[in-house]
Every structure is written in structure tokens, then in C-alpha cells.
Amino acid sequence: EGENRRRRFALRDQVLDPLAAGLLRKLKRSMQDEQNGVLDSLRRHRGSMASLDAEGLFPSQEDQLKACTDMVASALAQSYEAGRGMSRAKHDDDTSASQEMAELLAQTLVVPLRERVVEGASEAVTLGEEQSGIVERINARYREWKTRLVEPVIRDALAAAFTRGLYDSLAPGTLLRWIVDDDAACPDCDDNALDVTERGSLFPTGQAFPPAHPGCRCTIAAALESAA
């Protein structure tokens, strides 16, 4: 059983690792372009810094969300389809799950960063800082997001899409086992692995399928498959 479990995670990671690396490169380039655009808008600002509207440094949030959704959609779709392919069952739900997950990922990437940049620039304006101080705050927000925060968000989203694809491939009523990844700390998920749960019902942590929390790398399997 342990070897079967390790094989499941290894096969998943063979799909997700290159998808995550490629998507991370694309997003970091996009964020750099966005950062350059924000700084360019700041440089073109006429009048005193006290009159600066930090929201006006950005394109519309709607445009940002659409561009980001388009950028992440392919990787999410590939992860979702790879999850479906992991199952011996081929239940054909007509679902737009991967597109919905792409839109959610875009929200997670775009909105908090935009809010943090606007907050930092607005705080600098309130404190009466010159343009150089505003630039420093903007750069710090983007640097933190690109170096520390964006990769975990991407990996969480791809893992979730993979597991959602696996879940959607199974027929309603299928008995599921929650499988904990021993390489990722998931103490809150241990109870989920104690017994089978019918597809459509919730596991003890309150989810129909993983992830149960940020950083969760658990997966599921049909009870008969997990014993094979």
C-alpha cells in the first residue's frame, strides 16, 4: 500500500512540477511588465505627489483579471485533465471546473497584490514622501510577491485542479479514500484517511476532496483502486 501511494504522488508530481515551473516563469515576467507599467504611470504623473491616485496607476482590475485568467488557464486545464487520466473510471461530467479554478487563481494572484501596492503607495502619499519613496514601496511589494508568495499559490492551485479532475472522473456514490502525502505535513488530514467517504459527501475536515488547507498535497482514490 505504501508503494502504491508513493507511486500515485510521483506520477502526479511528474505532471505538476513542470507545469508549475513554466507557469511561474510566465507570471513573473507578467508581474515585471505590470510593475514597469505602474512605475511608468507614476513617472508620468503631473502635479504634486499629494494629488496621486494610486488606483490610477493600474489598468482596470477587470482587465487585469481577464489577462491573468487567460495566462493560467492552460496550465490549470492540463493539470485537471491529468487528474482525470489518473482514474480507471471515466465518468463524463460536463464541467467547466478548470476554467472556474483559473478565474479563482487569477483573483488570488491579482487582487491581493494590487491592494498591497495601492496601500503602500497611498501610505507614502499620506506621509508626504517624494516619488522615490513611493517607488521604493511599490518595488518592495512586487519583490515580496514574486520571491515568496506567488509560487505556493501556483502549486496549491495546480494540485487542487489535479485532484478536482480525479474527483470529477469518478461516478457519484463511489467510495473514496483520502490519501495523505507523507512528504507534506498534513496533520489536520489524518482523520480523513481513517475511513472511506462516498463521493458527494464531505470528509471530516469539511471538504469533498483535497486540498484541505494551503500547502495540502493530499489526494484521493476510489477505495477499490487504492487497495489495488
C-alpha atoms as a PDB file:
ATOM      1  CA  GLU A   1       0.000   0.000   0.000  1.00  0.00           C
ATOM      2  CA  GLY A   2       2.808   2.408   0.838  1.00  0.00           C
ATOM      3  CA  GLU A   3       4.499   1.801  -2.500  1.00  0.00           C
ATOM      4  CA  ASN A   4       1.212   2.316  -4.346  1.00  0.00           C
ATOM      5  CA  ARG A   5       0.702   5.608  -2.538  1.00  0.00           C
ATOM      6  CA  ARG A   6       4.199   6.834  -3.336  1.00  0.00           C
ATOM      7  CA  ARG A   7       3.670   5.929  -6.975  1.00  0.00           C
ATOM      8  CA  ARG A   8       0.483   7.989  -7.103  1.00  0.00           C
ATOM      9  CA  PHE A   9       2.220  11.070  -5.779  1.00  0.00           C
ATOM     10  CA  ALA A  10       5.247  10.553  -8.010  1.00  0.00           C
ATOM     11  CA  LEU A  11       3.047  10.351 -11.111  1.00  0.00           C
ATOM     12  CA  ARG A  12       1.185  13.482 -10.061  1.00  0.00           C
ATOM     13  CA  ASP A  13       4.387  15.409  -9.399  1.00  0.00           C
ATOM     14  CA  GLN A  14       5.780  14.422 -12.805  1.00  0.00           C
ATOM     15  CA  VAL A  15       2.868  16.392 -14.263  1.00  0.00           C
ATOM     16  CA  LEU A  16       2.668  19.272 -11.803  1.00  0.00           C
ATOM     17  CA  ASP A  17       6.350  20.169 -11.371  1.00  0.00           C
ATOM     18  CA  PRO A  18       6.988  21.236 -14.998  1.00  0.00           C
ATOM     19  CA  LEU A  19       3.587  22.950 -15.180  1.00  0.00           C
ATOM     20  CA  ALA A  20       4.402  24.916 -12.026  1.00  0.00           C
ATOM     21  CA  ALA A  21       7.865  25.884 -13.274  1.00  0.00           C
ATOM     22  CA  GLY A  22       6.554  27.089 -16.636  1.00  0.00           C
ATOM     23  CA  LEU A  23       3.633  28.994 -15.144  1.00  0.00           C
ATOM     24  CA  LEU A  24       5.863  30.610 -12.537  1.00  0.00           C
ATOM     25  CA  ARG A  25       8.180  31.928 -15.256  1.00  0.00           C
ATOM     26  CA  LYS A  26       5.247  33.346 -17.219  1.00  0.00           C
ATOM     27  CA  LEU A  27       3.699  35.005 -14.189  1.00  0.00           C
ATOM     28  CA  LYS A  28       6.953  36.539 -13.003  1.00  0.00           C
ATOM     29  CA  ARG A  29       7.523  38.038 -16.458  1.00  0.00           C
ATOM     30  CA  SER A  30       3.965  39.352 -16.463  1.00  0.00           C
ATOM     31  CA  MET A  31       4.363  40.832 -12.989  1.00  0.00           C
ATOM     32  CA  GLN A  32       7.594  42.508 -14.043  1.00  0.00           C
ATOM     33  CA  ASP A  33       5.800  44.047 -17.035  1.00  0.00           C
ATOM     34  CA  GLU A  34       2.973  45.147 -14.767  1.00  0.00           C
ATOM     35  CA  GLN A  35       5.429  46.642 -12.260  1.00  0.00           C
ATOM     36  CA  ASN A  36       7.157  48.553 -15.056  1.00  0.00           C
ATOM     37  CA  GLY A  37       3.795  49.859 -16.216  1.00  0.00           C
ATOM     38  CA  VAL A  38       2.851  51.024 -12.725  1.00  0.00           C
ATOM     39  CA  LEU A  39       6.188  52.816 -12.317  1.00  0.00           C
ATOM     40  CA  ASP A  40       5.815  54.381 -15.753  1.00  0.00           C
ATOM     41  CA  SER A  41       2.377  55.689 -14.788  1.00  0.00           C
ATOM     42  CA  LEU A  42       3.913  57.130 -11.632  1.00  0.00           C
ATOM     43  CA  ARG A  43       6.645  58.880 -13.619  1.00  0.00           C
ATOM     44  CA  ARG A  44       4.050  60.386 -15.952  1.00  0.00           C
ATOM     45  CA  HIS A  45       2.022  61.753 -13.052  1.00  0.00           C
ATOM     46  CA  ARG A  46       1.644  65.511 -13.283  1.00  0.00           C
ATOM     47  CA  GLY A  47       1.375  67.653 -10.201  1.00  0.00           C
ATOM     48  CA  SER A  48       2.440  67.032  -6.635  1.00  0.00           C
ATOM     49  CA  MET A  49       2.629  63.562  -5.155  1.00  0.00           C
ATOM     50  CA  ALA A  50      -0.118  64.630  -2.738  1.00  0.00           C
ATOM     51  CA  SER A  51      -2.591  64.531  -5.636  1.00  0.00           C
ATOM     52  CA  LEU A  52      -1.627  60.996  -6.715  1.00  0.00           C
ATOM     53  CA  ASP A  53      -4.445  58.462  -7.030  1.00  0.00           C
ATOM     54  CA  ALA A  54      -2.693  55.126  -6.503  1.00  0.00           C
ATOM     55  CA  GLU A  55      -5.546  53.161  -8.118  1.00  0.00           C
ATOM     56  CA  GLY A  56      -4.969  55.166 -11.275  1.00  0.00           C
ATOM     57  CA  LEU A  57      -1.504  53.658 -11.655  1.00  0.00           C
ATOM     58  CA  PHE A  58      -3.110  50.358 -12.721  1.00  0.00           C
ATOM     59  CA  PRO A  59      -5.239  49.291 -15.647  1.00  0.00           C
ATOM     60  CA  SER A  60      -8.775  48.301 -14.643  1.00  0.00           C
ATOM     61  CA  GLN A  61      -8.982  45.352 -12.291  1.00  0.00           C
ATOM     62  CA  GLU A  62     -11.351  43.659 -14.747  1.00  0.00           C
ATOM     63  CA  ASP A  63      -8.704  43.809 -17.478  1.00  0.00           C
ATOM     64  CA  GLN A  64      -6.051  42.506 -15.091  1.00  0.00           C
ATOM     65  CA  LEU A  65      -8.215  39.569 -14.042  1.00  0.00           C
ATOM     66  CA  LYS A  66      -9.033  38.633 -17.625  1.00  0.00           C
ATOM     67  CA  ALA A  67      -5.377  38.744 -18.687  1.00  0.00           C
ATOM     68  CA  CYS A  68      -4.296  36.656 -15.710  1.00  0.00           C
ATOM     69  CA  THR A  69      -7.106  34.130 -16.205  1.00  0.00           C
ATOM     70  CA  ASP A  70      -6.070  33.691 -19.834  1.00  0.00           C
ATOM     71  CA  MET A  71      -2.464  33.200 -18.756  1.00  0.00           C
ATOM     72  CA  VAL A  72      -3.104  30.484 -16.172  1.00  0.00           C
ATOM     73  CA  ALA A  73      -5.986  28.675 -17.897  1.00  0.00           C
ATOM     74  CA  SER A  74      -3.901  26.271 -19.985  1.00  0.00           C
ATOM     75  CA  ALA A  75      -1.807  25.002 -17.057  1.00  0.00           C
ATOM     76  CA  LEU A  76      -4.906  24.535 -14.899  1.00  0.00           C
ATOM     77  CA  ALA A  77      -6.672  22.677 -17.721  1.00  0.00           C
ATOM     78  CA  GLN A  78      -3.668  20.394 -18.245  1.00  0.00           C
ATOM     79  CA  SER A  79      -3.490  19.628 -14.538  1.00  0.00           C
ATOM     80  CA  TYR A  80      -7.227  18.955 -14.406  1.00  0.00           C
ATOM     81  CA  GLU A  81      -7.108  16.593 -17.401  1.00  0.00           C
ATOM     82  CA  ALA A  82      -4.076  14.803 -15.959  1.00  0.00           C
ATOM     83  CA  GLY A  83      -6.070  14.191 -12.793  1.00  0.00           C
ATOM     84  CA  ARG A  84      -8.943  12.748 -14.792  1.00  0.00           C
ATOM     85  CA  GLY A  85      -6.468  10.485 -16.554  1.00  0.00           C
ATOM     86  CA  MET A  86      -5.251   9.042 -13.239  1.00  0.00           C
ATOM     87  CA  SER A  87      -8.539   7.261 -12.659  1.00  0.00           C
ATOM     88  CA  ARG A  88      -9.560   3.925 -14.135  1.00  0.00           C
ATOM     89  CA  ALA A  89     -13.114   5.253 -14.206  1.00  0.00           C
ATOM     90  CA  LYS A  90     -14.089   7.675 -16.932  1.00  0.00           C
ATOM     91  CA  HIS A  91     -17.264   9.303 -15.639  1.00  0.00           C
ATOM     92  CA  ASP A  92     -18.099  12.096 -18.082  1.00  0.00           C
ATOM     93  CA  ASP A  93     -19.304  15.102 -16.153  1.00  0.00           C
ATOM     94  CA  ASP A  94     -19.833  18.168 -18.303  1.00  0.00           C
ATOM     95  CA  THR A  95     -17.854  20.556 -16.151  1.00  0.00           C
ATOM     96  CA  SER A  96     -16.150  23.905 -16.505  1.00  0.00           C
ATOM     97  CA  ALA A  97     -14.174  23.270 -13.325  1.00  0.00           C
ATOM     98  CA  SER A  98     -10.737  24.094 -14.718  1.00  0.00           C
ATOM     99  CA  GLN A  99     -11.926  27.447 -16.083  1.00  0.00           C
ATOM    100  CA  GLU A 100     -13.556  28.275 -12.760  1.00  0.00           C
ATOM    101  CA  MET A 101     -10.322  27.390 -10.993  1.00  0.00           C
ATOM    102  CA  ALA A 102      -8.354  29.585 -13.414  1.00  0.00           C
ATOM    103  CA  GLU A 103     -10.623  32.514 -12.560  1.00  0.00           C
ATOM    104  CA  LEU A 104     -10.168  31.829  -8.843  1.00  0.00           C
ATOM    105  CA  LEU A 105      -6.386  31.651  -9.223  1.00  0.00           C
ATOM    106  CA  ALA A 106      -6.418  34.967 -11.093  1.00  0.00           C
ATOM    107  CA  GLN A 107      -8.368  36.519  -8.219  1.00  0.00           C
ATOM    108  CA  THR A 108      -5.836  35.140  -5.747  1.00  0.00           C
ATOM    109  CA  LEU A 109      -2.894  36.499  -7.725  1.00  0.00           C
ATOM    110  CA  VAL A 110      -4.213  39.852  -8.903  1.00  0.00           C
ATOM    111  CA  VAL A 111      -6.368  41.299  -6.144  1.00  0.00           C
ATOM    112  CA  PRO A 112      -4.096  40.994  -3.062  1.00  0.00           C
ATOM    113  CA  LEU A 113      -1.030  42.299  -4.918  1.00  0.00           C
ATOM    114  CA  ARG A 114      -2.945  45.212  -6.371  1.00  0.00           C
ATOM    115  CA  GLU A 115      -4.340  46.053  -2.941  1.00  0.00           C
ATOM    116  CA  ARG A 116      -0.892  45.893  -1.337  1.00  0.00           C
ATOM    117  CA  VAL A 117       0.679  48.140  -3.972  1.00  0.00           C
ATOM    118  CA  VAL A 118      -2.152  50.671  -3.746  1.00  0.00           C
ATOM    119  CA  GLU A 119      -1.982  50.586   0.049  1.00  0.00           C
ATOM    120  CA  GLY A 120       1.782  51.140   0.072  1.00  0.00           C
ATOM    121  CA  ALA A 121       1.673  53.976  -2.449  1.00  0.00           C
ATOM    122  CA  SER A 122      -1.266  55.636  -0.690  1.00  0.00           C
ATOM    123  CA  GLU A 123       0.501  55.416   2.658  1.00  0.00           C
ATOM    124  CA  ALA A 124       3.575  57.069   1.138  1.00  0.00           C
ATOM    125  CA  VAL A 125       1.405  59.869  -0.263  1.00  0.00           C
ATOM    126  CA  THR A 126      -0.247  60.377   3.132  1.00  0.00           C
ATOM    127  CA  LEU A 127       3.168  60.609   4.785  1.00  0.00           C
ATOM    128  CA  GLY A 128       4.246  63.218   2.239  1.00  0.00           C
ATOM    129  CA  GLU A 129       7.005  61.095   0.703  1.00  0.00           C
ATOM    130  CA  GLU A 130       8.558  62.053  -2.604  1.00  0.00           C
ATOM    131  CA  GLN A 131       8.339  59.954  -5.760  1.00  0.00           C
ATOM    132  CA  SER A 132      11.436  57.966  -4.819  1.00  0.00           C
ATOM    133  CA  GLY A 133       9.769  56.807  -1.597  1.00  0.00           C
ATOM    134  CA  ILE A 134       6.664  55.696  -3.470  1.00  0.00           C
ATOM    135  CA  VAL A 135       8.821  53.815  -5.999  1.00  0.00           C
ATOM    136  CA  GLU A 136      10.611  52.029  -3.159  1.00  0.00           C
ATOM    137  CA  ARG A 137       7.329  50.904  -1.607  1.00  0.00           C
ATOM    138  CA  ILE A 138       5.953  49.679  -4.936  1.00  0.00           C
ATOM    139  CA  ASN A 139       9.120  47.735  -5.715  1.00  0.00           C
ATOM    140  CA  ALA A 140       9.097  46.146  -2.250  1.00  0.00           C
ATOM    141  CA  ARG A 141       5.527  44.882  -2.707  1.00  0.00           C
ATOM    142  CA  TYR A 142       6.292  43.301  -6.066  1.00  0.00           C
ATOM    143  CA  ARG A 143       9.583  41.841  -4.845  1.00  0.00           C
ATOM    144  CA  GLU A 144       7.889  40.135  -1.898  1.00  0.00           C
ATOM    145  CA  TRP A 145       5.135  38.736  -4.097  1.00  0.00           C
ATOM    146  CA  LYS A 146       7.499  37.395  -6.767  1.00  0.00           C
ATOM    147  CA  THR A 147      10.091  35.901  -4.415  1.00  0.00           C
ATOM    148  CA  ARG A 148       7.965  34.476  -1.585  1.00  0.00           C
ATOM    149  CA  LEU A 149       4.261  34.359  -2.250  1.00  0.00           C
ATOM    150  CA  VAL A 150       3.412  33.518  -5.841  1.00  0.00           C
ATOM    151  CA  GLU A 151       4.963  30.024  -6.073  1.00  0.00           C
ATOM    152  CA  PRO A 152       2.998  28.466  -3.169  1.00  0.00           C
ATOM    153  CA  VAL A 153      -0.223  29.902  -4.604  1.00  0.00           C
ATOM    154  CA  ILE A 154       0.518  28.385  -8.017  1.00  0.00           C
ATOM    155  CA  ARG A 155       1.405  24.968  -6.615  1.00  0.00           C
ATOM    156  CA  ASP A 156      -1.736  24.916  -4.455  1.00  0.00           C
ATOM    157  CA  ALA A 157      -3.900  25.749  -7.469  1.00  0.00           C
ATOM    158  CA  LEU A 158      -2.348  23.117  -9.734  1.00  0.00           C
ATOM    159  CA  ALA A 159      -2.632  20.423  -7.054  1.00  0.00           C
ATOM    160  CA  ALA A 160      -6.267  21.381  -6.494  1.00  0.00           C
ATOM    161  CA  ALA A 161      -7.014  21.222 -10.232  1.00  0.00           C
ATOM    162  CA  PHE A 162      -5.396  17.793 -10.496  1.00  0.00           C
ATOM    163  CA  THR A 163      -7.424  16.402  -7.606  1.00  0.00           C
ATOM    164  CA  ARG A 164     -10.616  18.028  -8.887  1.00  0.00           C
ATOM    165  CA  GLY A 165     -10.064  16.282 -12.238  1.00  0.00           C
ATOM    166  CA  LEU A 166      -9.625  12.958 -10.468  1.00  0.00           C
ATOM    167  CA  TYR A 167     -12.756  13.584  -8.394  1.00  0.00           C
ATOM    168  CA  ASP A 168     -14.844  14.530 -11.431  1.00  0.00           C
ATOM    169  CA  SER A 169     -13.808  11.356 -13.239  1.00  0.00           C
ATOM    170  CA  LEU A 170     -15.470   9.212 -10.574  1.00  0.00           C
ATOM    171  CA  ALA A 171     -19.193   8.464 -10.582  1.00  0.00           C
ATOM    172  CA  PRO A 172     -21.440   9.767  -7.792  1.00  0.00           C
ATOM    173  CA  GLY A 173     -21.613   7.272  -4.963  1.00  0.00           C
ATOM    174  CA  THR A 174     -18.066   5.959  -5.497  1.00  0.00           C
ATOM    175  CA  LEU A 175     -16.382   5.176  -2.188  1.00  0.00           C
ATOM    176  CA  LEU A 176     -13.291   7.362  -1.806  1.00  0.00           C
ATOM    177  CA  ARG A 177     -10.185   7.197   0.306  1.00  0.00           C
ATOM    178  CA  TRP A 178      -8.316  10.347   1.316  1.00  0.00           C
ATOM    179  CA  ILE A 179      -4.604   9.682   0.798  1.00  0.00           C
ATOM    180  CA  VAL A 180      -2.135  11.749   2.827  1.00  0.00           C
ATOM    181  CA  ASP A 181       1.169  12.730   1.246  1.00  0.00           C
ATOM    182  CA  ASP A 182       3.817  11.795   3.810  1.00  0.00           C
ATOM    183  CA  ASP A 183       6.219  14.359   2.312  1.00  0.00           C
ATOM    184  CA  ALA A 184       3.879  17.270   3.109  1.00  0.00           C
ATOM    185  CA  ALA A 185       2.851  17.985   6.687  1.00  0.00           C
ATOM    186  CA  CYS A 186      -0.921  17.475   6.849  1.00  0.00           C
ATOM    187  CA  PRO A 187      -1.826  16.622  10.470  1.00  0.00           C
ATOM    188  CA  ASP A 188      -5.344  18.020  10.041  1.00  0.00           C
ATOM    189  CA  CYS A 189      -5.982  15.477   7.276  1.00  0.00           C
ATOM    190  CA  ASP A 190      -5.082  12.306   9.167  1.00  0.00           C
ATOM    191  CA  ASP A 191      -8.689  11.739  10.262  1.00  0.00           C
ATOM    192  CA  ASN A 192      -9.801  11.888   6.628  1.00  0.00           C
ATOM    193  CA  ALA A 193      -7.711   8.834   5.840  1.00  0.00           C
ATOM    194  CA  LEU A 194      -9.257   6.627   8.519  1.00  0.00           C
ATOM    195  CA  ASP A 195     -12.325   5.543   6.594  1.00  0.00           C
ATOM    196  CA  VAL A 196     -13.972   5.692   3.196  1.00  0.00           C
ATOM    197  CA  THR A 197     -16.332   8.527   2.230  1.00  0.00           C
ATOM    198  CA  GLU A 198     -18.916   8.406  -0.523  1.00  0.00           C
ATOM    199  CA  ARG A 199     -18.356  10.773  -3.457  1.00  0.00           C
ATOM    200  CA  GLY A 200     -20.718  13.665  -2.911  1.00  0.00           C
ATOM    201  CA  SER A 201     -20.306  13.579   0.876  1.00  0.00           C
ATOM    202  CA  LEU A 202     -17.742  15.516   2.891  1.00  0.00           C
ATOM    203  CA  PHE A 203     -14.655  14.212   4.630  1.00  0.00           C
ATOM    204  CA  PRO A 204     -14.189  15.039   8.366  1.00  0.00           C
ATOM    205  CA  THR A 205     -12.302  18.267   7.548  1.00  0.00           C
ATOM    206  CA  GLY A 206     -15.359  19.508   5.636  1.00  0.00           C
ATOM    207  CA  GLN A 207     -14.105  19.127   2.062  1.00  0.00           C
ATOM    208  CA  ALA A 208     -15.355  16.818  -0.674  1.00  0.00           C
ATOM    209  CA  PHE A 209     -11.752  16.366  -1.851  1.00  0.00           C
ATOM    210  CA  PRO A 210      -8.294  17.850  -1.201  1.00  0.00           C
ATOM    211  CA  PRO A 211      -6.826  20.329  -0.591  1.00  0.00           C
ATOM    212  CA  ALA A 212      -7.996  20.870   2.960  1.00  0.00           C
ATOM    213  CA  HIS A 213      -5.775  23.919   3.537  1.00  0.00           C
ATOM    214  CA  PRO A 214      -2.953  25.884   1.879  1.00  0.00           C
ATOM    215  CA  GLY A 215       0.014  23.614   1.307  1.00  0.00           C
ATOM    216  CA  CYS A 216      -2.086  20.440   1.466  1.00  0.00           C
ATOM    217  CA  ARG A 217      -0.820  17.875  -1.034  1.00  0.00           C
ATOM    218  CA  CYS A 218      -3.198  15.043  -0.223  1.00  0.00           C
ATOM    219  CA  THR A 219      -5.088  13.242  -2.963  1.00  0.00           C
ATOM    220  CA  ILE A 220      -7.969  10.788  -3.268  1.00  0.00           C
ATOM    221  CA  ALA A 221      -8.592   7.433  -4.894  1.00  0.00           C
ATOM    222  CA  ALA A 222     -11.540   5.150  -5.357  1.00  0.00           C
ATOM    223  CA  ALA A 223     -11.466   2.697  -2.469  1.00  0.00           C
ATOM    224  CA  LEU A 224     -11.054  -0.324  -4.744  1.00  0.00           C
ATOM    225  CA  GLU A 225      -8.245   1.346  -6.719  1.00  0.00           C
ATOM    226  CA  SER A 226      -6.395   2.429  -3.584  1.00  0.00           C
ATOM    227  CA  ALA A 227      -6.322  -1.177  -2.422  1.00  0.00           C
ATOM    228  CA  ALA A 228      -5.029  -2.443  -5.742  1.00  0.00           C
END
